[in-house]
């Protein structure tokens, strides 16, 4: 399982949901969660890069 790809897929899903959010607070929260998933993806990539 590629953790980074999984996190990026989740981030993309949240961004899509944010597009349809009518409430601006919900919209912003979904985008914030998407960014957190991107951070996790970057961390997973760096951890995978350090393993041989």
N, C-alpha and C. Protein backbone atom coordinates (compact mmCIF):
# COMPACT_ATOMS: atom_id res chain seq x y z
N UNK A 1 0.84 -1.19 0.00
CA UNK A 1 0.00 0.00 0.00
C UNK A 1 0.88 1.25 0.00
N UNK A 2 0.58 2.17 -0.87
CA UNK A 2 1.30 3.43 -0.94
C UNK A 2 0.55 4.47 -0.11
N UNK A 3 1.07 4.72 1.08
CA UNK A 3 0.38 5.62 2.00
C UNK A 3 0.24 7.03 1.43
N UNK A 4 1.28 7.53 0.77
CA UNK A 4 1.22 8.88 0.22
C UNK A 4 0.09 9.00 -0.80
N UNK A 5 -0.05 8.02 -1.66
CA UNK A 5 -1.11 8.04 -2.67
C UNK A 5 -2.48 7.98 -2.01
N UNK A 6 -2.60 7.19 -0.97
CA UNK A 6 -3.87 7.10 -0.25
C UNK A 6 -4.24 8.44 0.36
N UNK A 7 -3.28 9.10 1.00
CA UNK A 7 -3.54 10.41 1.59
C UNK A 7 -3.90 11.45 0.53
N UNK A 8 -3.22 11.40 -0.59
CA UNK A 8 -3.52 12.36 -1.67
C UNK A 8 -4.90 12.12 -2.26
N UNK A 9 -5.29 10.85 -2.35
CA UNK A 9 -6.64 10.54 -2.85
C UNK A 9 -7.69 11.10 -1.88
N UNK A 10 -7.45 10.93 -0.59
CA UNK A 10 -8.39 11.47 0.40
C UNK A 10 -8.45 13.00 0.32
N UNK A 11 -7.29 13.63 0.12
CA UNK A 11 -7.26 15.09 -0.01
C UNK A 11 -8.08 15.55 -1.21
N UNK A 12 -7.93 14.84 -2.31
CA UNK A 12 -8.69 15.19 -3.52
C UNK A 12 -10.19 15.03 -3.28
N UNK A 13 -10.58 13.99 -2.57
CA UNK A 13 -12.00 13.77 -2.27
C UNK A 13 -12.55 14.91 -1.42
N UNK A 14 -11.76 15.34 -0.46
CA UNK A 14 -12.21 16.44 0.40
C UNK A 14 -12.32 17.74 -0.37
N UNK A 15 -11.39 17.98 -1.30
CA UNK A 15 -11.48 19.19 -2.12
C UNK A 15 -12.74 19.18 -2.98
N UNK A 16 -13.08 18.01 -3.50
CA UNK A 16 -14.31 17.89 -4.30
C UNK A 16 -15.53 18.18 -3.44
N UNK A 17 -15.55 17.65 -2.24
CA UNK A 17 -16.68 17.92 -1.33
C UNK A 17 -16.75 19.39 -0.99
N UNK A 18 -15.60 20.03 -0.83
CA UNK A 18 -15.57 21.45 -0.49
C UNK A 18 -16.20 22.28 -1.60
N UNK A 19 -16.02 21.86 -2.84
CA UNK A 19 -16.62 22.60 -3.96
C UNK A 19 -18.13 22.67 -3.84
N UNK A 20 -18.74 21.64 -3.30
CA UNK A 20 -20.19 21.60 -3.17
C UNK A 20 -20.73 22.10 -1.85
N UNK A 21 -19.84 22.48 -0.95
CA UNK A 21 -20.28 22.93 0.37
C UNK A 21 -20.90 24.33 0.26
N UNK A 22 -22.09 24.46 0.77
CA UNK A 22 -22.77 25.76 0.73
C UNK A 22 -22.37 26.64 1.90
N UNK A 23 -22.05 26.01 3.00
CA UNK A 23 -21.66 26.75 4.20
C UNK A 23 -20.18 27.10 4.09
N UNK A 24 -19.82 28.37 4.18
CA UNK A 24 -18.41 28.76 4.05
C UNK A 24 -17.51 28.17 5.14
N UNK A 25 -18.06 27.96 6.31
CA UNK A 25 -17.26 27.36 7.39
C UNK A 25 -16.94 25.91 7.05
N UNK A 26 -17.93 25.18 6.57
CA UNK A 26 -17.73 23.79 6.18
C UNK A 26 -16.75 23.73 5.02
N UNK A 27 -16.90 24.63 4.06
CA UNK A 27 -15.99 24.70 2.92
C UNK A 27 -14.55 24.84 3.39
N UNK A 28 -14.31 25.78 4.29
CA UNK A 28 -12.96 26.03 4.79
C UNK A 28 -12.44 24.85 5.60
N UNK A 29 -13.27 24.23 6.39
CA UNK A 29 -12.85 23.07 7.18
C UNK A 29 -12.45 21.90 6.27
N UNK A 30 -13.20 21.68 5.21
CA UNK A 30 -12.86 20.61 4.28
C UNK A 30 -11.53 20.88 3.60
N UNK A 31 -11.29 22.13 3.21
CA UNK A 31 -10.01 22.48 2.61
C UNK A 31 -8.86 22.32 3.60
N UNK A 32 -9.13 22.66 4.84
CA UNK A 32 -8.11 22.50 5.88
C UNK A 32 -7.77 21.02 6.08
N UNK A 33 -8.78 20.19 6.10
CA UNK A 33 -8.54 18.75 6.22
C UNK A 33 -7.75 18.22 5.02
N UNK A 34 -8.07 18.72 3.85
CA UNK A 34 -7.34 18.30 2.64
C UNK A 34 -5.86 18.67 2.78
N UNK A 35 -5.57 19.84 3.29
CA UNK A 35 -4.17 20.24 3.49
C UNK A 35 -3.47 19.34 4.50
N UNK A 36 -4.19 18.94 5.52
CA UNK A 36 -3.61 18.04 6.52
C UNK A 36 -3.26 16.69 5.88
N UNK A 37 -4.13 16.22 4.98
CA UNK A 37 -3.83 14.98 4.28
C UNK A 37 -2.62 15.15 3.37
N UNK A 38 -2.46 16.30 2.76
CA UNK A 38 -1.28 16.56 1.94
C UNK A 38 -0.01 16.53 2.79
N UNK A 39 -0.10 17.09 3.99
CA UNK A 39 1.04 17.06 4.91
C UNK A 39 1.38 15.62 5.27
N UNK A 40 0.38 14.81 5.52
CA UNK A 40 0.61 13.40 5.81
C UNK A 40 1.25 12.69 4.62
N UNK A 41 0.82 13.03 3.42
CA UNK A 41 1.38 12.42 2.22
C UNK A 41 2.87 12.76 2.09
N UNK A 42 3.21 14.01 2.33
CA UNK A 42 4.62 14.41 2.26
C UNK A 42 5.44 13.69 3.31
N UNK A 43 4.89 13.56 4.50
CA UNK A 43 5.60 12.86 5.58
C UNK A 43 5.80 11.39 5.22
N UNK A 44 4.77 10.77 4.67
CA UNK A 44 4.86 9.36 4.27
C UNK A 44 5.92 9.18 3.19
N UNK A 45 5.98 10.13 2.25
CA UNK A 45 7.00 10.05 1.21
C UNK A 45 8.40 10.17 1.77
N UNK A 46 8.59 11.10 2.70
CA UNK A 46 9.93 11.26 3.26
C UNK A 46 10.33 10.08 4.11
N UNK A 47 9.38 9.49 4.82
CA UNK A 47 9.68 8.30 5.62
C UNK A 47 9.98 7.11 4.72
N UNK A 48 9.26 6.97 3.63
CA UNK A 48 9.50 5.87 2.69
C UNK A 48 10.84 6.05 2.01
N UNK A 49 11.23 7.28 1.75
CA UNK A 49 12.52 7.56 1.11
C UNK A 49 13.70 7.23 1.99
N UNK A 50 13.50 7.28 3.29
CA UNK A 50 14.58 7.00 4.22
C UNK A 50 14.80 5.52 4.47
N UNK A 51 13.86 4.69 4.01
CA UNK A 51 13.98 3.24 4.23
C UNK A 51 14.63 2.59 3.03
N UNK A 52 15.50 1.64 3.30
CA UNK A 52 16.16 0.91 2.21
C UNK A 52 15.80 -0.54 2.24
